[in-house]
Amino acid sequence: MLPDPPAPFETPEPPPAPGLGAESPAPAAPLTPAPEAPNARRPLLVALATTILVTALSYLAPKDHAGTAVGLAFLAVTWWLVLRADEHVIRAHGLSLGGLLEPLPLDRRRLLRDAAVASLWVLLLAAIIFPPFWIGFKLFWRVKMPFVLRGIVSPWNEISGHFLAVALPEEAFFRGYLQTRLDAAWTPRWRVFGADLGPGVLVSSAIFAIGHFLTVPSVDRLAVFFPSLVFGWLRARTGGVGAGVVFHALCNIFSATLQRGYGFSR
C-alpha cells in the first residue's frame, strides 16, 4: 500500500540526519538459502557403500563371527546416521523402540504399551503368514517325510542371534534409515491395508535382497525380497521398526525350525 501523502499546504520535514537523533538504517539481513529438498541420491550411495562393506565382512571375517560382524556394521552405520542424533531424529526414523534408543529417561509405561502393540501385530501376521508358508515350504522342496520337532543345541545363542545380530541390525538400517529416507525423497502414493507405501519400500527391499545374494550367491536368497515387503509394510503401518524386528526374527526362527524338522539341517 502506498504511504499517505503529506497534509495539504504543509511541507514535509526531512528525516533527521544520522547522529542527530535518528538511528542509521540496519544492514539488510543476508539471504538464507532455502533448505535442500530431500533426494534419494545420498541414501542410495549410503546403501551401496554399506552393501560393499558388509559383503566384504561376510567373506573376510572368521566364519563363526561373520554374521556378528555384518550385524555390527549395520548398527554402526545406523548409529552414525541416525542414533547419535536427538530424539526427534530417532523418532522420525522409527528407531525409538519404545524409548530404549532415545537419549531420554525411559518411560516404562510407554515401553510396555509399544511392546504390547508390536506383539499384537506380530501375532496377527504370524497367524496369517506362517501356515501358508509352511505349506509352500513343503511343496517347493517336495517334502515327503513327516515333520519332526528337533531341539536346538544352543537355543539361547540361536534365538539371541536371530534377534540381536540379524533382525535388529537389518531392520534398523533397511527400514529405519533407508526406507525412511527414500520415502522422504519419493512420497508414498499407495494405501495398502492402512499403510502409506511408495517406491521406497520396493527399492529398499530390492537392495535388501541383493545384499543377501551377494553374501551367499544363491538365487534362492533373492526370495527375501518378499518378506522384506512385509517388514516395510510394518514399518509404515506402525510408525516404527519394533514389530518388524520381532517378526523378522520369528520368520528366521520358523524357517530354521522347518529346515531342521524336515532334515535339511541340524
Protein backbone atom coordinates (compact mmCIF):
# COMPACT_ATOMS: atom_id res chain seq x y z
CA MET A 1 0.00 0.00 0.00
CA LEU A 2 1.30 3.48 -0.90
CA PRO A 3 2.20 5.80 2.02
CA ASP A 4 -0.23 8.63 2.90
CA PRO A 5 0.65 11.97 1.21
CA PRO A 6 1.65 14.90 3.45
CA ALA A 7 -1.17 17.15 4.72
CA PRO A 8 -2.21 19.95 2.30
CA PHE A 9 -0.24 23.20 2.39
CA GLU A 10 2.40 21.66 4.72
CA THR A 11 5.96 20.98 3.79
CA PRO A 12 7.08 17.57 4.92
CA GLU A 13 10.01 17.64 7.28
CA PRO A 14 13.13 15.89 6.09
CA PRO A 15 14.26 12.92 8.15
CA PRO A 16 16.87 13.75 10.78
CA ALA A 17 20.44 13.22 9.78
CA PRO A 18 22.30 10.26 11.23
CA GLY A 19 23.83 11.08 14.56
CA LEU A 20 21.23 13.78 15.38
CA GLY A 21 18.58 11.60 17.00
CA ALA A 22 17.94 9.09 14.21
CA GLU A 23 19.38 5.62 14.05
CA SER A 24 21.26 4.54 10.99
CA PRO A 25 19.32 2.00 8.95
CA ALA A 26 20.18 -1.54 9.93
CA PRO A 27 22.08 -3.51 7.32
CA ALA A 28 19.94 -5.90 5.35
CA ALA A 29 20.00 -9.43 6.72
CA PRO A 30 21.80 -11.88 4.44
CA LEU A 31 19.52 -14.10 2.46
CA THR A 32 19.25 -17.58 3.94
CA PRO A 33 19.36 -20.29 1.29
CA ALA A 34 16.29 -22.46 1.17
CA PRO A 35 16.83 -25.92 2.68
CA GLU A 36 17.65 -28.57 0.13
CA ALA A 37 14.72 -30.80 -0.75
CA PRO A 38 15.17 -34.45 0.25
CA ASN A 39 16.57 -36.56 -2.56
CA ALA A 40 17.37 -40.23 -2.96
CA ARG A 41 21.00 -39.83 -4.02
CA ARG A 42 22.57 -39.81 -0.56
CA PRO A 43 20.66 -42.78 0.94
CA LEU A 44 21.29 -44.81 -2.21
CA LEU A 45 25.02 -44.07 -2.04
CA VAL A 46 25.00 -44.99 1.64
CA ALA A 47 23.22 -48.25 0.79
CA LEU A 48 25.80 -49.01 -1.91
CA ALA A 49 28.74 -48.35 0.39
CA THR A 50 27.17 -50.33 3.24
CA THR A 51 26.40 -53.28 0.96
CA ILE A 52 30.02 -53.35 -0.20
CA LEU A 53 31.22 -53.20 3.41
CA VAL A 54 29.02 -55.99 4.76
CA THR A 55 29.69 -58.18 1.73
CA ALA A 56 33.43 -57.83 2.30
CA LEU A 57 33.00 -58.61 6.00
CA SER A 58 30.95 -61.72 5.23
CA TYR A 59 33.91 -63.16 3.30
CA LEU A 60 36.86 -61.75 5.25
CA ALA A 61 35.71 -62.19 8.85
CA PRO A 62 36.17 -65.58 10.54
CA LYS A 63 33.31 -67.86 9.60
CA ASP A 64 31.99 -68.23 13.15
CA HIS A 65 31.87 -64.46 13.62
CA ALA A 66 30.97 -63.22 10.14
CA GLY A 67 27.27 -62.82 10.93
CA THR A 68 28.03 -60.82 14.06
CA ALA A 69 30.47 -58.62 12.15
CA VAL A 70 27.85 -57.89 9.50
CA GLY A 71 25.25 -57.05 12.14
CA LEU A 72 27.65 -54.71 13.95
CA ALA A 73 28.42 -52.96 10.66
CA PHE A 74 24.73 -52.28 10.02
CA LEU A 75 24.30 -50.98 13.57
CA ALA A 76 27.40 -48.79 13.32
CA VAL A 77 26.19 -47.16 10.10
CA THR A 78 22.73 -46.61 11.56
CA TRP A 79 24.19 -45.13 14.74
CA TRP A 80 26.36 -42.72 12.75
CA LEU A 81 23.50 -41.59 10.52
CA VAL A 82 20.59 -41.58 12.98
CA LEU A 83 21.04 -42.88 16.50
CA ARG A 84 23.63 -40.33 17.65
CA ALA A 85 21.14 -37.53 16.90
CA ASP A 86 18.40 -36.26 19.21
CA GLU A 87 15.12 -37.97 20.00
CA HIS A 88 13.25 -36.13 17.23
CA VAL A 89 15.50 -37.57 14.51
CA ILE A 90 15.37 -41.02 16.08
CA ARG A 91 11.56 -40.95 16.23
CA ALA A 92 11.31 -39.72 12.64
CA HIS A 93 13.23 -42.82 11.56
CA GLY A 94 11.08 -45.16 13.65
CA LEU A 95 14.04 -46.22 15.79
CA SER A 96 12.79 -45.33 19.26
CA LEU A 97 11.89 -48.92 20.25
CA GLY A 98 9.57 -47.61 22.94
CA GLY A 99 12.18 -45.12 24.07
CA LEU A 100 15.03 -47.62 24.53
CA LEU A 101 17.19 -45.92 21.89
CA GLU A 102 16.32 -42.31 22.73
CA PRO A 103 18.66 -40.10 24.80
CA LEU A 104 15.91 -39.51 27.36
CA PRO A 105 14.86 -41.13 30.65
CA LEU A 106 12.99 -44.34 29.92
CA ASP A 107 9.21 -44.21 30.28
CA ARG A 108 8.23 -47.74 31.30
CA ARG A 109 4.56 -47.24 30.55
CA ARG A 110 5.37 -46.14 27.02
CA LEU A 111 7.77 -49.06 26.60
CA LEU A 112 5.17 -51.59 27.75
CA ARG A 113 2.44 -50.01 25.62
CA ASP A 114 4.58 -50.02 22.47
CA ALA A 115 5.75 -53.57 23.16
CA ALA A 116 2.14 -54.74 23.54
CA VAL A 117 1.06 -53.09 20.29
CA ALA A 118 4.04 -54.55 18.42
CA SER A 119 3.30 -58.01 19.84
CA LEU A 120 -0.28 -57.87 18.60
CA TRP A 121 0.87 -57.00 15.09
CA VAL A 122 3.43 -59.81 15.16
CA LEU A 123 0.88 -62.39 16.34
CA LEU A 124 -1.61 -61.29 13.69
CA LEU A 125 0.91 -61.55 10.85
CA ALA A 126 2.28 -64.85 12.12
CA ALA A 127 -1.24 -66.31 12.16
CA ILE A 128 -1.83 -65.11 8.59
CA ILE A 129 1.55 -65.89 7.00
CA PHE A 130 3.13 -68.87 8.77
CA PRO A 131 0.53 -71.56 7.86
CA PRO A 132 0.63 -70.91 4.08
CA PHE A 133 4.41 -70.53 4.27
CA TRP A 134 4.64 -73.98 5.84
CA ILE A 135 2.53 -75.45 3.04
CA GLY A 136 4.58 -73.62 0.42
CA PHE A 137 7.81 -74.88 2.01
CA LYS A 138 6.64 -78.48 1.70
CA LEU A 139 5.51 -78.04 -1.89
CA PHE A 140 8.62 -76.18 -3.03
CA TRP A 141 11.03 -78.71 -1.54
CA ARG A 142 8.75 -81.67 -2.33
CA VAL A 143 8.93 -82.89 1.24
CA LYS A 144 7.78 -86.48 1.74
CA MET A 145 8.85 -87.18 5.32
CA PRO A 146 6.79 -86.05 8.31
CA PHE A 147 7.83 -83.05 10.34
CA VAL A 148 9.80 -83.87 13.49
CA LEU A 149 10.34 -81.12 16.03
CA ARG A 150 14.03 -81.21 16.87
CA GLY A 151 15.66 -79.38 19.73
CA ILE A 152 18.26 -76.65 19.31
CA VAL A 153 21.77 -77.35 20.56
CA SER A 154 22.24 -73.80 21.88
CA PRO A 155 18.77 -72.24 21.98
CA TRP A 156 19.85 -69.01 23.67
CA ASN A 157 22.64 -68.42 21.14
CA GLU A 158 20.35 -69.08 18.19
CA ILE A 159 17.42 -67.01 19.43
CA SER A 160 19.54 -64.07 20.57
CA GLY A 161 21.49 -64.27 17.33
CA HIS A 162 18.35 -64.01 15.22
CA PHE A 163 17.11 -61.05 17.25
CA LEU A 164 20.28 -59.08 18.02
CA ALA A 165 22.72 -60.00 15.25
CA VAL A 166 20.30 -60.27 12.32
CA ALA A 167 16.82 -58.79 12.74
CA LEU A 168 17.66 -55.68 14.77
CA PRO A 169 20.63 -54.51 12.64
CA GLU A 170 18.89 -55.19 9.33
CA GLU A 171 15.61 -53.58 10.34
CA ALA A 172 17.41 -50.58 11.83
CA PHE A 173 19.30 -49.94 8.60
CA PHE A 174 16.91 -51.02 5.84
CA ARG A 175 13.60 -49.97 7.36
CA GLY A 176 14.74 -47.38 9.90
CA TYR A 177 17.26 -45.45 7.83
CA LEU A 178 16.95 -46.43 4.17
CA GLN A 179 13.18 -46.74 3.74
CA THR A 180 12.58 -43.57 5.76
CA ARG A 181 14.99 -41.51 3.67
CA LEU A 182 13.66 -42.91 0.39
CA ASP A 183 10.09 -42.17 1.47
CA ALA A 184 11.16 -38.58 2.16
CA ALA A 185 12.51 -38.34 -1.39
CA TRP A 186 9.77 -40.33 -3.11
CA THR A 187 6.45 -39.55 -1.48
CA PRO A 188 4.42 -42.70 -0.67
CA ARG A 189 1.47 -42.91 -3.06
CA TRP A 190 -0.22 -46.24 -2.37
CA ARG A 191 -2.53 -47.07 0.52
CA VAL A 192 -2.09 -50.75 1.41
CA PHE A 193 -4.05 -52.14 4.37
CA GLY A 194 -3.78 -48.89 6.27
CA ALA A 195 -0.14 -48.16 5.43
CA ASP A 196 1.12 -45.48 3.04
CA LEU A 197 3.74 -47.08 0.78
CA GLY A 198 5.75 -45.85 -2.18
CA PRO A 199 8.78 -46.70 -4.29
CA GLY A 200 10.94 -46.55 -1.17
CA VAL A 201 9.72 -49.89 0.13
CA LEU A 202 10.32 -51.54 -3.26
CA VAL A 203 13.83 -50.15 -3.68
CA SER A 204 14.91 -50.85 -0.11
CA SER A 205 13.57 -54.41 -0.42
CA ALA A 206 15.45 -54.91 -3.69
CA ILE A 207 18.70 -53.73 -2.08
CA PHE A 208 17.95 -55.99 0.89
CA ALA A 209 17.60 -58.99 -1.44
CA ILE A 210 20.71 -58.13 -3.48
CA GLY A 211 22.73 -57.87 -0.28
CA HIS A 212 21.60 -61.34 0.79
CA PHE A 213 22.53 -62.73 -2.63
CA LEU A 214 26.00 -61.16 -2.58
CA THR A 215 26.87 -62.63 0.82
CA VAL A 216 25.66 -66.10 -0.22
CA PRO A 217 25.44 -66.32 -4.05
CA SER A 218 22.31 -68.43 -4.43
CA VAL A 219 19.24 -67.46 -6.41
CA ASP A 220 17.07 -68.67 -3.53
CA ARG A 221 18.41 -65.79 -1.44
CA LEU A 222 16.65 -63.27 -3.67
CA ALA A 223 13.34 -64.55 -2.30
CA VAL A 224 13.88 -62.43 0.83
CA PHE A 225 12.55 -59.55 -1.27
CA PHE A 226 9.02 -60.68 -0.42
CA PRO A 227 9.25 -60.87 3.38
CA SER A 228 11.10 -57.56 3.18
CA LEU A 229 7.93 -56.03 1.73
CA VAL A 230 6.07 -57.21 4.83
CA PHE A 231 8.73 -55.73 7.12
CA GLY A 232 8.49 -52.47 5.18
CA TRP A 233 4.71 -52.50 5.47
CA LEU A 234 5.03 -52.98 9.23
CA ARG A 235 7.40 -50.02 9.41
CA ALA A 236 4.88 -47.82 7.61
CA ARG A 237 1.82 -49.16 9.42
CA THR A 238 3.16 -49.00 12.98
CA GLY A 239 5.47 -46.00 12.62
CA GLY A 240 8.48 -47.88 13.96
CA VAL A 241 10.72 -50.90 13.47
CA GLY A 242 9.94 -52.73 16.72
CA ALA A 243 7.26 -55.02 15.32
CA GLY A 244 9.41 -55.61 12.24
CA VAL A 245 12.39 -56.67 14.36
CA VAL A 246 10.34 -59.26 16.25
CA PHE A 247 8.53 -60.57 13.17
CA HIS A 248 11.78 -60.70 11.17
CA ALA A 249 13.44 -62.76 13.90
CA LEU A 250 10.44 -65.08 14.23
CA CYS A 251 10.39 -65.63 10.45
CA ASN A 252 14.03 -66.70 10.55
CA ILE A 253 13.45 -68.96 13.57
CA PHE A 254 10.36 -70.52 11.98
CA SER A 255 12.23 -71.17 8.73
CA ALA A 256 15.16 -72.73 10.60
CA THR A 257 12.73 -74.89 12.59
CA LEU A 258 11.15 -76.20 9.39
CA GLN A 259 14.56 -76.98 7.91
CA ARG A 260 15.55 -78.97 10.99
CA GLY A 261 12.15 -80.65 11.23
CA TYR A 262 12.37 -81.95 7.67
CA GLY A 263 16.02 -82.96 7.90
CA PHE A 264 17.57 -80.18 5.82
CA SER A 265 19.82 -79.06 8.67
CA ARG A 266 20.67 -79.84 12.27
